[in-house]
Amino acid sequence: MDNAEIQRIITDYHKQLYANEMDNLAKIDKFFKKYNLLRLNHGEIQNMNRAMTSNETETLVLISLPKNKSPRPDGFTGEFYPTFK
């Protein structure tokens, strides 16, 4: 199996996953088992599906700030926040 085939299978899997079409899951499960790919455990799945906290949202916003531009009129740039240099 080449990379293009693997990419096609994974793409098809995600299209079906997000479209709630569950008719091809057996084939996809067989693929994951055949290649012994890692899977999330139940706790990891729950963590990924939970709502983000306001602190996590703020952290993501601060990380994405441009370092040399001020997003607000106060003049503070992303470099002002020492945790995210």
PDB file of N, CA and C in Angstrom:
ATOM      1  N   MET A   1       0.858  -1.175   0.000  1.00  0.00           N
ATOM      2  CA  MET A   1       0.000   0.000   0.000  1.00  0.00           C
ATOM      3  C   MET A   1       0.901   1.234   0.000  1.00  0.00           C
ATOM      4  N   ASP A   2       0.648   2.139  -0.919  1.00  0.00           N
ATOM      5  CA  ASP A   2       1.478   3.340  -1.021  1.00  0.00           C
ATOM      6  C   ASP A   2       0.860   4.500  -0.236  1.00  0.00           C
ATOM      7  N   ASN A   3       1.604   5.586  -0.153  1.00  0.00           N
ATOM      8  CA  ASN A   3       1.163   6.753   0.616  1.00  0.00           C
ATOM      9  C   ASN A   3      -0.138   7.347   0.096  1.00  0.00           C
ATOM     10  N   ALA A   4      -0.324   7.328  -1.217  1.00  0.00           N
ATOM     11  CA  ALA A   4      -1.544   7.889  -1.793  1.00  0.00           C
ATOM     12  C   ALA A   4      -2.766   7.084  -1.341  1.00  0.00           C
ATOM     13  N   GLU A   5      -2.629   5.772  -1.277  1.00  0.00           N
ATOM     14  CA  GLU A   5      -3.735   4.924  -0.837  1.00  0.00           C
ATOM     15  C   GLU A   5      -4.038   5.146   0.645  1.00  0.00           C
ATOM     16  N   ILE A   6      -2.998   5.257   1.452  1.00  0.00           N
ATOM     17  CA  ILE A   6      -3.187   5.529   2.884  1.00  0.00           C
ATOM     18  C   ILE A   6      -3.862   6.875   3.073  1.00  0.00           C
ATOM     19  N   GLN A   7      -3.408   7.883   2.342  1.00  0.00           N
ATOM     20  CA  GLN A   7      -4.005   9.215   2.441  1.00  0.00           C
ATOM     21  C   GLN A   7      -5.466   9.187   2.019  1.00  0.00           C
ATOM     22  N   ARG A   8      -5.796   8.441   0.956  1.00  0.00           N
ATOM     23  CA  ARG A   8      -7.169   8.340   0.493  1.00  0.00           C
ATOM     24  C   ARG A   8      -8.060   7.690   1.544  1.00  0.00           C
ATOM     25  N   ILE A   9      -7.568   6.626   2.169  1.00  0.00           N
ATOM     26  CA  ILE A   9      -8.359   5.930   3.190  1.00  0.00           C
ATOM     27  C   ILE A   9      -8.606   6.838   4.389  1.00  0.00           C
ATOM     28  N   ILE A  10      -7.575   7.537   4.834  1.00  0.00           N
ATOM     29  CA  ILE A  10      -7.723   8.432   5.990  1.00  0.00           C
ATOM     30  C   ILE A  10      -8.653   9.591   5.649  1.00  0.00           C
ATOM     31  N   THR A  11      -8.531  10.143   4.442  1.00  0.00           N
ATOM     32  CA  THR A  11      -9.421  11.228   4.018  1.00  0.00           C
ATOM     33  C   THR A  11     -10.865  10.754   3.979  1.00  0.00           C
ATOM     34  N   ASP A  12     -11.078   9.577   3.400  1.00  0.00           N
ATOM     35  CA  ASP A  12     -12.433   9.012   3.362  1.00  0.00           C
ATOM     36  C   ASP A  12     -12.980   8.789   4.767  1.00  0.00           C
ATOM     37  N   TYR A  13     -12.132   8.315   5.659  1.00  0.00           N
ATOM     38  CA  TYR A  13     -12.551   8.086   7.039  1.00  0.00           C
ATOM     39  C   TYR A  13     -13.059   9.379   7.674  1.00  0.00           C
ATOM     40  N   HIS A  14     -12.282  10.454   7.538  1.00  0.00           N
ATOM     41  CA  HIS A  14     -12.672  11.722   8.153  1.00  0.00           C
ATOM     42  C   HIS A  14     -13.905  12.334   7.495  1.00  0.00           C
ATOM     43  N   LYS A  15     -14.040  12.166   6.189  1.00  0.00           N
ATOM     44  CA  LYS A  15     -15.254  12.647   5.526  1.00  0.00           C
ATOM     45  C   LYS A  15     -16.477  11.953   6.097  1.00  0.00           C
ATOM     46  N   GLN A  16     -16.378  10.652   6.296  1.00  0.00           N
ATOM     47  CA  GLN A  16     -17.508   9.900   6.843  1.00  0.00           C
ATOM     48  C   GLN A  16     -17.712  10.216   8.321  1.00  0.00           C
ATOM     49  N   LEU A  17     -16.630  10.367   9.038  1.00  0.00           N
ATOM     50  CA  LEU A  17     -16.727  10.661  10.465  1.00  0.00           C
ATOM     51  C   LEU A  17     -17.480  11.962  10.705  1.00  0.00           C
ATOM     52  N   TYR A  18     -17.118  12.992   9.967  1.00  0.00           N
ATOM     53  CA  TYR A  18     -17.732  14.292  10.191  1.00  0.00           C
ATOM     54  C   TYR A  18     -19.078  14.440   9.497  1.00  0.00           C
ATOM     55  N   ALA A  19     -19.402  13.542   8.591  1.00  0.00           N
ATOM     56  CA  ALA A  19     -20.700  13.565   7.934  1.00  0.00           C
ATOM     57  C   ALA A  19     -21.682  12.632   8.629  1.00  0.00           C
ATOM     58  N   ASN A  20     -21.234  11.947   9.672  1.00  0.00           N
ATOM     59  CA  ASN A  20     -22.039  10.973  10.414  1.00  0.00           C
ATOM     60  C   ASN A  20     -22.512   9.819   9.539  1.00  0.00           C
ATOM     61  N   GLU A  21     -21.744   9.491   8.535  1.00  0.00           N
ATOM     62  CA  GLU A  21     -22.045   8.321   7.721  1.00  0.00           C
ATOM     63  C   GLU A  21     -21.251   7.154   8.290  1.00  0.00           C
ATOM     64  N   MET A  22     -21.959   6.172   8.830  1.00  0.00           N
ATOM     65  CA  MET A  22     -21.291   5.096   9.551  1.00  0.00           C
ATOM     66  C   MET A  22     -21.245   3.776   8.778  1.00  0.00           C
ATOM     67  N   ASP A  23     -21.387   3.794   7.455  1.00  0.00           N
ATOM     68  CA  ASP A  23     -21.467   2.555   6.710  1.00  0.00           C
ATOM     69  C   ASP A  23     -20.116   1.925   6.368  1.00  0.00           C
ATOM     70  N   ASN A  24     -19.006   2.618   6.536  1.00  0.00           N
ATOM     71  CA  ASN A  24     -17.696   2.097   6.149  1.00  0.00           C
ATOM     72  C   ASN A  24     -16.753   1.943   7.340  1.00  0.00           C
ATOM     73  N   LEU A  25     -17.241   2.001   8.567  1.00  0.00           N
ATOM     74  CA  LEU A  25     -16.364   1.956   9.736  1.00  0.00           C
ATOM     75  C   LEU A  25     -15.648   0.625   9.891  1.00  0.00           C
ATOM     76  N   ALA A  26     -16.263  -0.469   9.497  1.00  0.00           N
ATOM     77  CA  ALA A  26     -15.614  -1.773   9.619  1.00  0.00           C
ATOM     78  C   ALA A  26     -14.339  -1.822   8.772  1.00  0.00           C
ATOM     79  N   LYS A  27     -14.402  -1.301   7.558  1.00  0.00           N
ATOM     80  CA  LYS A  27     -13.231  -1.271   6.681  1.00  0.00           C
ATOM     81  C   LYS A  27     -12.129  -0.396   7.281  1.00  0.00           C
ATOM     82  N   ILE A  28     -12.504   0.723   7.832  1.00  0.00           N
ATOM     83  CA  ILE A  28     -11.529   1.639   8.419  1.00  0.00           C
ATOM     84  C   ILE A  28     -10.921   1.045   9.685  1.00  0.00           C
ATOM     85  N   ASP A  29     -11.732   0.420  10.519  1.00  0.00           N
ATOM     86  CA  ASP A  29     -11.207  -0.249  11.714  1.00  0.00           C
ATOM     87  C   ASP A  29     -10.214  -1.343  11.333  1.00  0.00           C
ATOM     88  N   LYS A  30     -10.528  -2.089  10.276  1.00  0.00           N
ATOM     89  CA  LYS A  30      -9.625  -3.138   9.790  1.00  0.00           C
ATOM     90  C   LYS A  30      -8.286  -2.531   9.372  1.00  0.00           C
ATOM     91  N   PHE A  31      -8.336  -1.382   8.702  1.00  0.00           N
ATOM     92  CA  PHE A  31      -7.120  -0.695   8.276  1.00  0.00           C
ATOM     93  C   PHE A  31      -6.273  -0.310   9.481  1.00  0.00           C
ATOM     94  N   PHE A  32      -6.899   0.308  10.508  1.00  0.00           N
ATOM     95  CA  PHE A  32      -6.149   0.730  11.693  1.00  0.00           C
ATOM     96  C   PHE A  32      -5.545  -0.455  12.423  1.00  0.00           C
ATOM     97  N   LYS A  33      -6.269  -1.563  12.501  1.00  0.00           N
ATOM     98  CA  LYS A  33      -5.751  -2.756  13.170  1.00  0.00           C
ATOM     99  C   LYS A  33      -4.605  -3.373  12.386  1.00  0.00           C
ATOM    100  N   LYS A  34      -4.735  -3.389  11.064  1.00  0.00           N
ATOM    101  CA  LYS A  34      -3.711  -3.990  10.207  1.00  0.00           C
ATOM    102  C   LYS A  34      -2.365  -3.291  10.369  1.00  0.00           C
ATOM    103  N   TYR A  35      -2.380  -1.974  10.464  1.00  0.00           N
ATOM    104  CA  TYR A  35      -1.138  -1.207  10.543  1.00  0.00           C
ATOM    105  C   TYR A  35      -0.783  -0.799  11.965  1.00  0.00           C
ATOM    106  N   ASN A  36      -1.528  -1.314  12.933  1.00  0.00           N
ATOM    107  CA  ASN A  36      -1.242  -1.097  14.351  1.00  0.00           C
ATOM    108  C   ASN A  36      -1.033   0.385  14.673  1.00  0.00           C
ATOM    109  N   LEU A  37      -1.937   1.211  14.174  1.00  0.00           N
ATOM    110  CA  LEU A  37      -1.853   2.650  14.425  1.00  0.00           C
ATOM    111  C   LEU A  37      -2.368   2.972  15.821  1.00  0.00           C
ATOM    112  N   LEU A  38      -1.819   3.988  16.418  1.00  0.00           N
ATOM    113  CA  LEU A  38      -2.216   4.381  17.763  1.00  0.00           C
ATOM    114  C   LEU A  38      -3.640   4.917  17.774  1.00  0.00           C
ATOM    115  N   ARG A  39      -4.322   4.673  18.878  1.00  0.00           N
ATOM    116  CA  ARG A  39      -5.683   5.174  19.054  1.00  0.00           C
ATOM    117  C   ARG A  39      -5.753   5.924  20.377  1.00  0.00           C
ATOM    118  N   LEU A  40      -6.671   6.867  20.445  1.00  0.00           N
ATOM    119  CA  LEU A  40      -6.913   7.562  21.699  1.00  0.00           C
ATOM    120  C   LEU A  40      -7.668   6.642  22.645  1.00  0.00           C
ATOM    121  N   ASN A  41      -7.327   6.720  23.936  1.00  0.00           N
ATOM    122  CA  ASN A  41      -8.109   5.962  24.910  1.00  0.00           C
ATOM    123  C   ASN A  41      -9.351   6.777  25.280  1.00  0.00           C
ATOM    124  N   HIS A  42     -10.220   6.183  26.074  1.00  0.00           N
ATOM    125  CA  HIS A  42     -11.496   6.822  26.404  1.00  0.00           C
ATOM    126  C   HIS A  42     -11.290   8.196  27.061  1.00  0.00           C
ATOM    127  N   GLY A  43     -10.341   8.291  27.991  1.00  0.00           N
ATOM    128  CA  GLY A  43     -10.066   9.562  28.661  1.00  0.00           C
ATOM    129  C   GLY A  43      -9.579  10.628  27.697  1.00  0.00           C
ATOM    130  N   GLU A  44      -8.721  10.244  26.753  1.00  0.00           N
ATOM    131  CA  GLU A  44      -8.220  11.199  25.755  1.00  0.00           C
ATOM    132  C   GLU A  44      -9.338  11.679  24.838  1.00  0.00           C
ATOM    133  N   ILE A  45     -10.243  10.773  24.477  1.00  0.00           N
ATOM    134  CA  ILE A  45     -11.371  11.154  23.628  1.00  0.00           C
ATOM    135  C   ILE A  45     -12.269  12.145  24.358  1.00  0.00           C
ATOM    136  N   GLN A  46     -12.547  11.858  25.627  1.00  0.00           N
ATOM    137  CA  GLN A  46     -13.388  12.780  26.397  1.00  0.00           C
ATOM    138  C   GLN A  46     -12.718  14.142  26.527  1.00  0.00           C
ATOM    139  N   ASN A  47     -11.403  14.155  26.741  1.00  0.00           N
ATOM    140  CA  ASN A  47     -10.675  15.412  26.865  1.00  0.00           C
ATOM    141  C   ASN A  47     -10.729  16.213  25.562  1.00  0.00           C
ATOM    142  N   MET A  48     -10.617  15.537  24.425  1.00  0.00           N
ATOM    143  CA  MET A  48     -10.674  16.221  23.130  1.00  0.00           C
ATOM    144  C   MET A  48     -12.070  16.767  22.837  1.00  0.00           C
ATOM    145  N   ASN A  49     -13.105  16.112  23.346  1.00  0.00           N
ATOM    146  CA  ASN A  49     -14.479  16.513  23.062  1.00  0.00           C
ATOM    147  C   ASN A  49     -15.053  17.515  24.053  1.00  0.00           C
ATOM    148  N   ARG A  50     -14.332  17.815  25.110  1.00  0.00           N
ATOM    149  CA  ARG A  50     -14.859  18.738  26.110  1.00  0.00           C
ATOM    150  C   ARG A  50     -14.772  20.176  25.599  1.00  0.00           C
ATOM    151  N   ALA A  51     -15.548  21.023  26.215  1.00  0.00           N
ATOM    152  CA  ALA A  51     -15.504  22.446  25.864  1.00  0.00           C
ATOM    153  C   ALA A  51     -14.190  23.045  26.358  1.00  0.00           C
ATOM    154  N   MET A  52     -13.682  23.980  25.595  1.00  0.00           N
ATOM    155  CA  MET A  52     -12.457  24.657  26.014  1.00  0.00           C
ATOM    156  C   MET A  52     -12.767  25.619  27.148  1.00  0.00           C
ATOM    157  N   THR A  53     -11.834  25.740  28.073  1.00  0.00           N
ATOM    158  CA  THR A  53     -12.003  26.700  29.156  1.00  0.00           C
ATOM    159  C   THR A  53     -11.639  28.089  28.640  1.00  0.00           C
ATOM    160  N   SER A  54     -12.072  29.105  29.360  1.00  0.00           N
ATOM    161  CA  SER A  54     -11.733  30.470  28.941  1.00  0.00           C
ATOM    162  C   SER A  54     -10.222  30.692  29.012  1.00  0.00           C
ATOM    163  N   ASN A  55      -9.560  30.048  29.971  1.00  0.00           N
ATOM    164  CA  ASN A  55      -8.107  30.173  30.085  1.00  0.00           C
ATOM    165  C   ASN A  55      -7.413  29.577  28.860  1.00  0.00           C
ATOM    166  N   GLU A  56      -7.892  28.422  28.382  1.00  0.00           N
ATOM    167  CA  GLU A  56      -7.314  27.818  27.181  1.00  0.00           C
ATOM    168  C   GLU A  56      -7.534  28.703  25.963  1.00  0.00           C
ATOM    169  N   THR A  57      -8.703  29.291  25.872  1.00  0.00           N
ATOM    170  CA  THR A  57      -9.006  30.181  24.757  1.00  0.00           C
ATOM    171  C   THR A  57      -8.090  31.400  24.781  1.00  0.00           C
ATOM    172  N   GLU A  58      -7.921  31.993  25.960  1.00  0.00           N
ATOM    173  CA  GLU A  58      -7.032  33.153  26.086  1.00  0.00           C
ATOM    174  C   GLU A  58      -5.606  32.782  25.715  1.00  0.00           C
ATOM    175  N   THR A  59      -5.162  31.607  26.142  1.00  0.00           N
ATOM    176  CA  THR A  59      -3.802  31.156  25.831  1.00  0.00           C
ATOM    177  C   THR A  59      -3.621  31.022  24.324  1.00  0.00           C
ATOM    178  N   LEU A  60      -4.585  30.424  23.643  1.00  0.00           N
ATOM    179  CA  LEU A  60      -4.488  30.276  22.192  1.00  0.00           C
ATOM    180  C   LEU A  60      -4.475  31.626  21.492  1.00  0.00           C
ATOM    181  N   VAL A  61      -5.262  32.550  21.988  1.00  0.00           N
ATOM    182  CA  VAL A  61      -5.288  33.888  21.400  1.00  0.00           C
ATOM    183  C   VAL A  61      -3.934  34.567  21.590  1.00  0.00           C
ATOM    184  N   LEU A  62      -3.373  34.481  22.789  1.00  0.00           N
ATOM    185  CA  LEU A  62      -2.086  35.120  23.062  1.00  0.00           C
ATOM    186  C   LEU A  62      -0.966  34.503  22.233  1.00  0.00           C
ATOM    187  N   ILE A  63      -1.000  33.195  22.059  1.00  0.00           N
ATOM    188  CA  ILE A  63       0.024  32.526  21.263  1.00  0.00           C
ATOM    189  C   ILE A  63      -0.043  32.993  19.811  1.00  0.00           C
ATOM    190  N   SER A  64      -1.244  33.244  19.321  1.00  0.00           N
ATOM    191  CA  SER A  64      -1.402  33.611  17.910  1.00  0.00           C
ATOM    192  C   SER A  64      -1.165  35.097  17.637  1.00  0.00           C
ATOM    193  N   LEU A  65      -0.966  35.887  18.670  1.00  0.00           N
ATOM    194  CA  LEU A  65      -0.725  37.317  18.453  1.00  0.00           C
ATOM    195  C   LEU A  65       0.579  37.536  17.703  1.00  0.00           C
ATOM    196  N   PRO A  66       0.575  38.427  16.727  1.00  0.00           N
ATOM    197  CA  PRO A  66       1.846  38.771  16.085  1.00  0.00           C
ATOM    198  C   PRO A  66       2.756  39.435  17.113  1.00  0.00           C
ATOM    199  N   LYS A  67       4.032  39.116  17.050  1.00  0.00           N
ATOM    200  CA  LYS A  67       4.972  39.624  18.057  1.00  0.00           C
ATOM    201  C   LYS A  67       5.245  41.113  17.918  1.00  0.00           C
ATOM    202  N   ASN A  68       5.101  41.658  16.742  1.00  0.00           N
ATOM    203  CA  ASN A  68       5.488  43.061  16.554  1.00  0.00           C
ATOM    204  C   ASN A  68       4.317  43.974  16.189  1.00  0.00           C
ATOM    205  N   LYS A  69       3.075  43.512  16.430  1.00  0.00           N
ATOM    206  CA  LYS A  69       1.909  44.337  16.126  1.00  0.00           C
ATOM    207  C   LYS A  69       0.993  44.387  17.337  1.00  0.00           C
ATOM    208  N   SER A  70       0.319  45.476  17.485  1.00  0.00           N
ATOM    209  CA  SER A  70      -0.614  45.640  18.590  1.00  0.00           C
ATOM    210  C   SER A  70      -2.039  45.419  18.094  1.00  0.00           C
ATOM    211  N   PRO A  71      -2.750  44.433  18.667  1.00  0.00           N
ATOM    212  CA  PRO A  71      -4.113  44.185  18.215  1.00  0.00           C
ATOM    213  C   PRO A  71      -5.128  45.160  18.783  1.00  0.00           C
ATOM    214  N   ARG A  72      -4.716  45.968  19.765  1.00  0.00           N
ATOM    215  CA  ARG A  72      -5.631  46.910  20.412  1.00  0.00           C
ATOM    216  C   ARG A  72      -4.979  48.286  20.481  1.00  0.00           C
ATOM    217  N   PRO A  73      -5.771  49.300  20.739  1.00  0.00           N
ATOM    218  CA  PRO A  73      -5.208  50.663  20.774  1.00  0.00           C
ATOM    219  C   PRO A  73      -4.302  50.933  21.976  1.00  0.00           C
ATOM    220  N   ASP A  74      -4.211  49.995  22.932  1.00  0.00           N
ATOM    221  CA  ASP A  74      -3.344  50.242  24.087  1.00  0.00           C
ATOM    222  C   ASP A  74      -1.863  50.162  23.731  1.00  0.00           C
ATOM    223  N   GLY A  75      -1.544  49.629  22.537  1.00  0.00           N
ATOM    224  CA  GLY A  75      -0.163  49.594  22.077  1.00  0.00           C
ATOM    225  C   GLY A  75       0.619  48.369  22.514  1.00  0.00           C
ATOM    226  N   PHE A  76       0.052  47.480  23.314  1.00  0.00           N
ATOM    227  CA  PHE A  76       0.775  46.293  23.766  1.00  0.00           C
ATOM    228  C   PHE A  76       0.822  45.256  22.654  1.00  0.00           C
ATOM    229  N   THR A  77       2.016  44.771  22.337  1.00  0.00           N
ATOM    230  CA  THR A  77       2.193  43.742  21.314  1.00  0.00           C
ATOM    231  C   THR A  77       2.228  42.371  21.967  1.00  0.00           C
ATOM    232  N   GLY A  78       2.314  41.340  21.146  1.00  0.00           N
ATOM    233  CA  GLY A  78       2.425  39.984  21.667  1.00  0.00           C
ATOM    234  C   GLY A  78       3.666  39.801  22.508  1.00  0.00           C
ATOM    235  N   GLU A  79       4.694  40.604  22.265  1.00  0.00           N
ATOM    236  CA  GLU A  79       5.934  40.515  23.047  1.00  0.00           C
ATOM    237  C   GLU A  79       5.744  40.989  24.483  1.00  0.00           C
ATOM    238  N   PHE A  80       4.664  41.735  24.729  1.00  0.00           N
ATOM    239  CA  PHE A  80       4.387  42.219  26.089  1.00  0.00           C
ATOM    240  C   PHE A  80       4.099  41.066  27.038  1.00  0.00           C
ATOM    241  N   TYR A  81       3.536  39.995  26.520  1.00  0.00           N
ATOM    242  CA  TYR A  81       3.139  38.867  27.352  1.00  0.00           C
ATOM    243  C   TYR A  81       4.311  37.897  27.457  1.00  0.00           C
ATOM    244  N   PRO A  82       5.063  37.929  28.571  1.00  0.00           N
ATOM    245  CA  PRO A  82       6.333  37.195  28.677  1.00  0.00           C
ATOM    246  C   PRO A  82       6.180  35.672  28.592  1.00  0.00           C
ATOM    247  N   THR A  83       5.036  35.144  28.921  1.00  0.00           N
ATOM    248  CA  THR A  83       4.845  33.694  28.905  1.00  0.00           C
ATOM    249  C   THR A  83       4.901  33.142  27.487  1.00  0.00           C
ATOM    250  N   PHE A  84       4.605  33.945  26.488  1.00  0.00           N
ATOM    251  CA  PHE A  84       4.448  33.446  25.137  1.00  0.00           C
ATOM    252  C   PHE A  84       5.480  33.980  24.173  1.00  0.00           C
ATOM    253  N   LYS A  85       6.658  34.313  24.641  1.00  0.00           N
ATOM    254  CA  LYS A  85       7.737  34.800  23.751  1.00  0.00           C
ATOM    255  C   LYS A  85       8.269  33.668  22.934  1.00  0.00           C
TER     256      LYS A  85
END
